[in-house]
Amino acid sequence: MQTKNATMQDVADLAKVSKTTVSHILNETRPVSEEKRQRVLNAMKELGYHPNILARSLRKNETGTIGLIVPNSANPFYAEVSRGVESLSFDEGYNVILCNSDRNLEKEIAYTKLLINKRVDGILFVGAWVGEQTQHLHDIHEQGIPLAVVDRFVPDIDIDSVRTDNHLGGWLATSHLIGLGHKRISCIGGTPEFTPNAERIIGYQKAMRDAGIPIDDNLIVRTNFQFEGGHSAAQQLLSRDNRPTAIFACNDLMAIGAMRAASDLGLRIPEDISIVGFDDIQMAQYTCPQLTTISQPMVEMGKLATEMLLERIGNANTVQRIRILEPKLIVRQSTTKFPRQ
């Protein structure tokens, strides 16, 4: 017996309770007996009644929604982090609005304003724009809107954050190659030149210095974080007369692009060139050969950041928390000893 545009009074009449009782059940503002609660729920179902969620949200000053801004949801790293965010949010009764910034500051600022206008309860930035222009993050923080950041360190603002020890990850990747006998090791980094990309390159440089190997700046190439960036950078490096014997790419997408470039040039992996990536996206297990890489706990990063954000939504006075997770070297088939025995 569904009634078009059924009202709260219609529900109360059918359930034989007061309109106030229906309101208390919907808004959880006062204990009501289980027997009455069940009668009201049955009446709502029979009438097809749906409470005005927006009105309830305005009364409670919350919407049960958080905003999530990522540079590129098609990138497997950000997709896995987002899965962690969505999974925990759903379990806790929150909806997620996903926005792609495309690493464009103006677009990130526009989406930030949109989410604020949508009255989200908090905003989670994954790989937020971090350079000299962070005023939009300062503005949000000063407005008292709960924030959390994944895969970035934002200076001068007390924002909760989760990231991997990228410096250690770069050091692990490069030390692995050095341990195999490689000395002419190239690094394919991304842009812009700030964390976590910069930290991975710093880790690469530290491993080289620790081993007493001179750092050749010509072996450090910066490009985008995509397949094509890794492909073009590796083509440039591997076409030189004194080409590197190994490549550390600062993410798996660029590493896979580098693998394709090596193949295009007739080089064998790992016999002629060893390649290491960073992230350990699922695709890394299915390349041929399988990609040696640095693993980040991507889903866990998303869940931890969401947990921090929801706790801050519940208590704005929560002290700032910074979690730095440890990366792990995953050795597969794309690296080997040099020179070959």
Protein backbone atom coordinates (compact mmCIF):
# COMPACT_ATOMS: atom_id res chain seq x y z
CA MET A 1 0.00 0.00 0.00
CA GLN A 2 2.58 2.53 -1.03
CA THR A 3 1.36 6.14 -0.84
CA LYS A 4 2.82 8.78 -3.09
CA ASN A 5 4.53 11.51 -1.08
CA ALA A 6 3.78 9.81 2.22
CA THR A 7 4.43 12.01 5.25
CA MET A 8 5.68 11.39 8.75
CA GLN A 9 2.09 11.86 9.95
CA ASP A 10 0.94 9.08 7.61
CA VAL A 11 3.55 6.77 9.16
CA ALA A 12 2.44 7.74 12.68
CA ASP A 13 -1.23 7.10 11.85
CA LEU A 14 -0.55 3.66 10.35
CA ALA A 15 1.77 2.63 13.19
CA LYS A 16 -0.68 4.02 15.79
CA VAL A 17 1.97 6.18 17.45
CA SER A 18 2.54 9.92 17.73
CA LYS A 19 4.41 11.90 15.10
CA THR A 20 6.92 12.77 17.82
CA THR A 21 7.65 9.06 18.38
CA VAL A 22 8.33 8.60 14.67
CA SER A 23 10.72 11.58 14.79
CA HIS A 24 12.60 10.15 17.77
CA ILE A 25 13.02 6.81 16.01
CA LEU A 26 14.28 8.40 12.79
CA ASN A 27 16.67 10.79 14.51
CA GLU A 28 17.66 8.49 17.37
CA THR A 29 16.99 11.29 19.84
CA ARG A 30 15.19 9.27 22.54
CA PRO A 31 14.90 5.57 23.46
CA VAL A 32 11.76 3.94 22.08
CA SER A 33 10.53 0.42 22.78
CA GLU A 34 11.51 -2.20 20.24
CA GLU A 35 7.84 -3.03 19.64
CA LYS A 36 6.99 0.58 18.66
CA ARG A 37 10.17 0.93 16.63
CA GLN A 38 9.28 -2.16 14.60
CA ARG A 39 5.73 -0.90 13.99
CA VAL A 40 7.11 2.38 12.66
CA LEU A 41 9.64 0.65 10.40
CA ASN A 42 6.92 -1.64 9.02
CA ALA A 43 4.68 1.37 8.37
CA MET A 44 7.48 3.19 6.56
CA LYS A 45 8.05 0.16 4.36
CA GLU A 46 4.36 -0.30 3.61
CA LEU A 47 3.88 3.37 2.72
CA GLY A 48 7.16 3.68 0.85
CA TYR A 49 8.14 6.56 3.12
CA HIS A 50 11.67 7.94 2.84
CA PRO A 51 12.82 10.51 5.41
CA ASN A 52 14.19 13.82 4.19
CA ILE A 53 17.88 13.07 4.63
CA LEU A 54 18.98 16.62 3.79
CA ALA A 55 16.68 18.15 6.39
CA ARG A 56 17.87 15.67 9.01
CA SER A 57 21.46 16.46 8.10
CA LEU A 58 20.95 20.18 8.53
CA ARG A 59 19.32 19.64 11.92
CA LYS A 60 22.18 17.44 13.10
CA ASN A 61 24.81 19.65 11.39
CA GLU A 62 26.25 16.65 9.56
CA THR A 63 25.62 14.92 6.23
CA GLY A 64 27.23 11.51 6.70
CA THR A 65 29.39 12.35 3.68
CA ILE A 66 33.12 12.89 3.20
CA GLY A 67 34.94 14.27 0.18
CA LEU A 68 37.86 12.44 -1.43
CA ILE A 69 40.15 14.30 -3.84
CA VAL A 70 42.71 12.26 -5.82
CA PRO A 71 45.01 13.23 -8.73
CA ASN A 72 43.84 10.38 -10.97
CA SER A 73 41.44 7.61 -9.94
CA ALA A 74 42.55 5.56 -12.97
CA ASN A 75 46.04 5.23 -11.47
CA PRO A 76 46.07 1.85 -9.66
CA PHE A 77 47.83 3.33 -6.63
CA TYR A 78 45.12 5.94 -6.06
CA ALA A 79 42.43 3.39 -6.89
CA GLU A 80 43.68 1.06 -4.15
CA VAL A 81 43.94 3.87 -1.59
CA SER A 82 40.42 4.99 -2.55
CA ARG A 83 39.16 1.44 -2.06
CA GLY A 84 40.45 1.55 1.51
CA VAL A 85 38.75 4.91 2.07
CA GLU A 86 35.43 3.72 0.66
CA SER A 87 35.51 0.40 2.50
CA LEU A 88 35.92 1.88 5.97
CA SER A 89 33.59 4.80 5.22
CA PHE A 90 30.81 2.40 4.20
CA ASP A 91 31.31 0.31 7.33
CA GLU A 92 30.99 3.47 9.44
CA GLY A 93 27.86 4.69 7.63
CA TYR A 94 29.47 7.41 5.51
CA ASN A 95 29.13 8.12 1.80
CA VAL A 96 32.12 9.24 -0.28
CA ILE A 97 32.17 11.91 -3.01
CA LEU A 98 35.14 11.21 -5.32
CA CYS A 99 36.84 14.06 -7.22
CA ASN A 100 39.75 13.89 -9.71
CA SER A 101 42.08 16.89 -9.64
CA ASP A 102 44.27 15.72 -12.57
CA ARG A 103 47.22 17.26 -10.65
CA ASN A 104 45.76 20.66 -11.49
CA LEU A 105 45.81 23.18 -8.63
CA GLU A 106 42.88 25.21 -9.97
CA LYS A 107 40.78 22.07 -10.32
CA GLU A 108 41.70 20.91 -6.81
CA ILE A 109 40.67 24.29 -5.39
CA ALA A 110 37.39 24.22 -7.36
CA TYR A 111 36.53 20.75 -6.07
CA THR A 112 37.43 21.81 -2.54
CA LYS A 113 34.93 24.68 -2.73
CA LEU A 114 32.31 22.35 -4.20
CA LEU A 115 32.70 19.85 -1.36
CA ILE A 116 32.42 22.62 1.22
CA ASN A 117 29.22 23.84 -0.46
CA LYS A 118 27.93 20.26 -0.32
CA ARG A 119 28.45 20.46 3.46
CA VAL A 120 30.63 17.35 3.63
CA ASP A 121 31.66 16.42 7.15
CA GLY A 122 35.35 16.25 6.21
CA ILE A 123 37.75 16.12 3.26
CA LEU A 124 40.47 13.59 2.56
CA PHE A 125 43.20 14.58 0.10
CA VAL A 126 45.22 11.79 -1.54
CA GLY A 127 48.38 13.13 -3.15
CA ALA A 128 47.24 16.70 -2.50
CA TRP A 129 48.88 19.56 -4.34
CA VAL A 130 51.89 20.46 -2.22
CA GLY A 131 54.21 23.20 -3.36
CA GLU A 132 54.29 26.83 -2.42
CA GLN A 133 50.57 27.19 -3.12
CA THR A 134 48.72 25.52 -0.24
CA GLN A 135 46.48 28.42 0.75
CA HIS A 136 43.32 26.41 0.04
CA LEU A 137 44.39 23.83 2.63
CA HIS A 138 45.10 26.58 5.16
CA ASP A 139 41.66 28.10 4.45
CA ILE A 140 39.87 24.79 5.03
CA HIS A 141 41.82 24.18 8.22
CA GLU A 142 41.01 27.67 9.54
CA GLN A 143 37.30 27.08 8.84
CA GLY A 144 37.44 24.10 11.17
CA ILE A 145 36.60 21.55 8.48
CA PRO A 146 38.18 18.18 9.39
CA LEU A 147 41.04 17.22 7.03
CA ALA A 148 43.37 14.30 6.44
CA VAL A 149 46.06 13.76 3.82
CA VAL A 150 47.47 10.58 2.26
CA ASP A 151 50.86 10.34 0.53
CA ARG A 152 51.88 13.93 1.25
CA PHE A 153 53.41 16.02 4.02
CA VAL A 154 51.90 19.47 4.31
CA PRO A 155 54.19 21.86 6.23
CA ASP A 156 52.93 24.54 8.62
CA ILE A 157 49.46 22.98 9.10
CA ASP A 158 48.43 20.54 11.82
CA ILE A 159 46.79 18.05 9.45
CA ASP A 160 46.47 14.32 10.11
CA SER A 161 48.43 12.37 7.52
CA VAL A 162 49.41 8.87 6.42
CA ARG A 163 52.32 8.18 4.13
CA THR A 164 55.02 5.63 3.39
CA ASP A 165 58.66 6.17 4.27
CA ASN A 166 59.50 7.11 0.69
CA HIS A 167 63.11 7.93 1.51
CA LEU A 168 63.59 4.38 2.81
CA GLY A 169 61.76 2.97 -0.22
CA GLY A 170 64.11 4.70 -2.67
CA TRP A 171 67.09 3.50 -0.64
CA LEU A 172 65.82 -0.11 -0.58
CA ALA A 173 65.23 -0.18 -4.35
CA THR A 174 68.65 1.24 -5.19
CA SER A 175 70.50 -0.83 -2.56
CA HIS A 176 68.94 -3.96 -4.04
CA LEU A 177 70.39 -3.09 -7.45
CA ILE A 178 73.78 -2.19 -5.95
CA GLY A 179 73.81 -5.51 -4.09
CA LEU A 180 73.39 -7.26 -7.44
CA GLY A 181 76.54 -5.56 -8.72
CA HIS A 182 75.02 -2.64 -10.62
CA LYS A 183 76.84 0.71 -10.48
CA ARG A 184 75.44 2.60 -13.46
CA ILE A 185 71.91 2.93 -12.13
CA SER A 186 69.39 5.39 -13.54
CA CYS A 187 66.46 6.92 -11.66
CA ILE A 188 63.25 7.87 -13.44
CA GLY A 189 61.43 10.34 -11.19
CA GLY A 190 58.19 12.22 -11.54
CA THR A 191 57.25 15.88 -11.39
CA PRO A 192 56.69 18.20 -9.63
CA GLU A 193 59.79 18.01 -7.49
CA PHE A 194 58.29 17.54 -4.03
CA THR A 195 57.36 14.69 -1.71
CA PRO A 196 56.97 11.78 -2.06
CA ASN A 197 58.75 11.83 -5.42
CA ALA A 198 61.63 13.91 -4.08
CA GLU A 199 62.09 11.61 -1.09
CA ARG A 200 62.39 8.55 -3.33
CA ILE A 201 65.08 10.25 -5.39
CA ILE A 202 66.88 11.33 -2.21
CA GLY A 203 66.77 7.70 -1.06
CA TYR A 204 68.29 6.66 -4.40
CA GLN A 205 71.06 9.21 -4.00
CA LYS A 206 71.79 8.15 -0.42
CA ALA A 207 72.13 4.49 -1.42
CA MET A 208 74.59 5.48 -4.15
CA ARG A 209 76.63 7.57 -1.71
CA ASP A 210 76.55 4.82 0.93
CA ALA A 211 78.07 2.45 -1.65
CA GLY A 212 80.70 4.99 -2.72
CA ILE A 213 79.23 5.27 -6.22
CA PRO A 214 79.43 8.77 -7.80
CA ILE A 215 76.00 10.25 -8.62
CA ASP A 216 75.64 11.09 -12.30
CA ASP A 217 72.89 13.71 -12.65
CA ASN A 218 72.52 12.72 -16.30
CA LEU A 219 71.11 9.40 -15.10
CA ILE A 220 68.25 11.11 -13.25
CA VAL A 221 65.36 11.83 -15.59
CA ARG A 222 62.06 13.47 -14.58
CA THR A 223 58.83 12.83 -16.41
CA ASN A 224 55.16 12.25 -15.58
CA PHE A 225 53.97 9.31 -13.49
CA GLN A 226 52.36 7.49 -16.43
CA PHE A 227 53.30 4.56 -18.70
CA GLU A 228 54.26 6.90 -21.52
CA GLY A 229 56.51 8.97 -19.28
CA GLY A 230 58.47 5.91 -18.19
CA HIS A 231 58.60 4.69 -21.79
CA SER A 232 60.01 7.92 -23.23
CA ALA A 233 62.48 8.40 -20.36
CA ALA A 234 63.79 4.84 -20.68
CA GLN A 235 64.10 5.14 -24.46
CA GLN A 236 66.26 8.21 -23.94
CA LEU A 237 68.44 6.50 -21.31
CA LEU A 238 68.79 3.15 -23.05
CA SER A 239 69.65 4.67 -26.44
CA ARG A 240 72.87 6.18 -25.09
CA ASP A 241 76.23 4.64 -25.87
CA ASN A 242 77.03 4.29 -22.17
CA ARG A 243 73.56 3.20 -21.14
CA PRO A 244 72.66 2.26 -17.55
CA THR A 245 72.59 -1.41 -16.53
CA ALA A 246 69.66 -0.84 -14.16
CA ILE A 247 66.71 1.53 -13.72
CA PHE A 248 64.83 2.52 -10.58
CA ALA A 249 61.49 4.06 -11.55
CA CYS A 250 59.66 6.00 -8.84
CA ASN A 251 56.36 4.25 -9.52
CA ASP A 252 55.24 1.01 -11.15
CA LEU A 253 53.53 2.67 -14.11
CA MET A 254 56.77 4.31 -15.19
CA ALA A 255 58.65 1.06 -14.53
CA ILE A 256 56.27 -0.85 -16.80
CA GLY A 257 56.68 1.85 -19.45
CA ALA A 258 60.45 1.41 -19.11
CA MET A 259 60.08 -2.34 -19.58
CA ARG A 260 58.25 -1.74 -22.85
CA ALA A 261 60.97 0.68 -24.01
CA ALA A 262 63.66 -1.92 -23.28
CA SER A 263 61.74 -4.49 -25.29
CA ASP A 264 61.28 -2.04 -28.18
CA LEU A 265 65.07 -1.56 -28.26
CA GLY A 266 65.71 -5.31 -28.33
CA LEU A 267 67.00 -5.49 -24.75
CA ARG A 268 66.23 -8.43 -22.50
CA ILE A 269 64.94 -8.01 -18.96
CA PRO A 270 66.75 -8.73 -16.68
CA GLU A 271 69.69 -10.06 -18.72
CA ASP A 272 70.49 -6.71 -20.36
CA ILE A 273 68.72 -4.27 -18.05
CA SER A 274 67.33 -4.68 -14.51
CA ILE A 275 64.26 -2.62 -13.57
CA VAL A 276 62.70 -1.83 -10.18
CA GLY A 277 59.39 -0.01 -9.59
CA PHE A 278 57.58 1.48 -6.61
CA ASP A 279 54.04 0.84 -5.25
CA ASP A 280 53.45 -2.89 -5.98
CA ILE A 281 50.23 -2.40 -7.89
CA GLN A 282 48.48 -5.64 -8.83
CA MET A 283 49.71 -5.35 -12.43
CA ALA A 284 53.30 -5.76 -11.22
CA GLN A 285 52.67 -9.47 -10.65
CA TYR A 286 51.45 -9.97 -14.22
CA THR A 287 54.12 -8.23 -16.30
CA CYS A 288 56.53 -10.45 -18.19
CA PRO A 289 58.88 -10.78 -16.44
CA GLN A 290 57.22 -10.00 -13.11
CA LEU A 291 58.28 -6.62 -11.76
CA THR A 292 60.58 -6.25 -8.75
CA THR A 293 59.19 -3.32 -6.76
CA ILE A 294 58.78 -1.51 -3.46
CA SER A 295 55.46 -2.36 -1.84
CA GLN A 296 53.24 0.21 -0.17
CA PRO A 297 50.21 -0.89 1.94
CA MET A 298 47.83 1.11 -0.24
CA VAL A 299 44.46 -0.08 1.09
CA GLU A 300 45.71 0.19 4.67
CA MET A 301 46.84 3.79 4.00
CA GLY A 302 43.32 4.66 2.87
CA LYS A 303 41.70 3.02 5.88
CA LEU A 304 44.08 4.63 8.38
CA ALA A 305 43.51 8.10 6.93
CA THR A 306 39.74 7.59 6.95
CA GLU A 307 39.87 6.42 10.55
CA MET A 308 41.78 9.58 11.48
CA LEU A 309 39.32 11.78 9.58
CA LEU A 310 36.24 10.20 11.18
CA GLU A 311 37.76 10.51 14.63
CA ARG A 312 38.41 14.19 14.00
CA ILE A 313 34.84 14.65 12.74
CA GLY A 314 33.71 13.22 16.08
CA ASN A 315 36.20 15.27 18.11
CA ALA A 316 37.69 18.40 16.59
CA ASN A 317 40.17 18.67 19.48
CA THR A 318 41.92 15.40 18.64
CA VAL A 319 45.71 15.91 18.58
CA GLN A 320 47.44 15.80 15.20
CA ARG A 321 48.50 12.32 14.10
CA ILE A 322 51.16 11.44 11.53
CA ARG A 323 51.58 7.80 10.52
CA ILE A 324 54.61 6.79 8.44
CA LEU A 325 54.39 3.20 7.21
CA GLU A 326 57.36 1.04 6.29
CA PRO A 327 57.75 -0.05 2.65
CA LYS A 328 59.00 -3.51 1.68
CA LEU A 329 61.20 -4.73 -1.17
CA ILE A 330 59.42 -7.35 -3.29
CA VAL A 331 61.97 -9.22 -5.42
CA ARG A 332 60.56 -10.77 -8.57
CA GLN A 333 62.01 -11.49 -12.02
CA SER A 334 62.94 -8.07 -13.47
CA THR A 335 66.28 -7.81 -11.64
CA THR A 336 69.40 -9.97 -11.68
CA LYS A 337 73.15 -9.88 -10.97
CA PHE A 338 75.49 -7.77 -13.06
CA PRO A 339 77.50 -8.82 -14.85
CA ARG A 340 75.71 -12.07 -15.61
CA GLN A 341 77.64 -15.07 -14.26
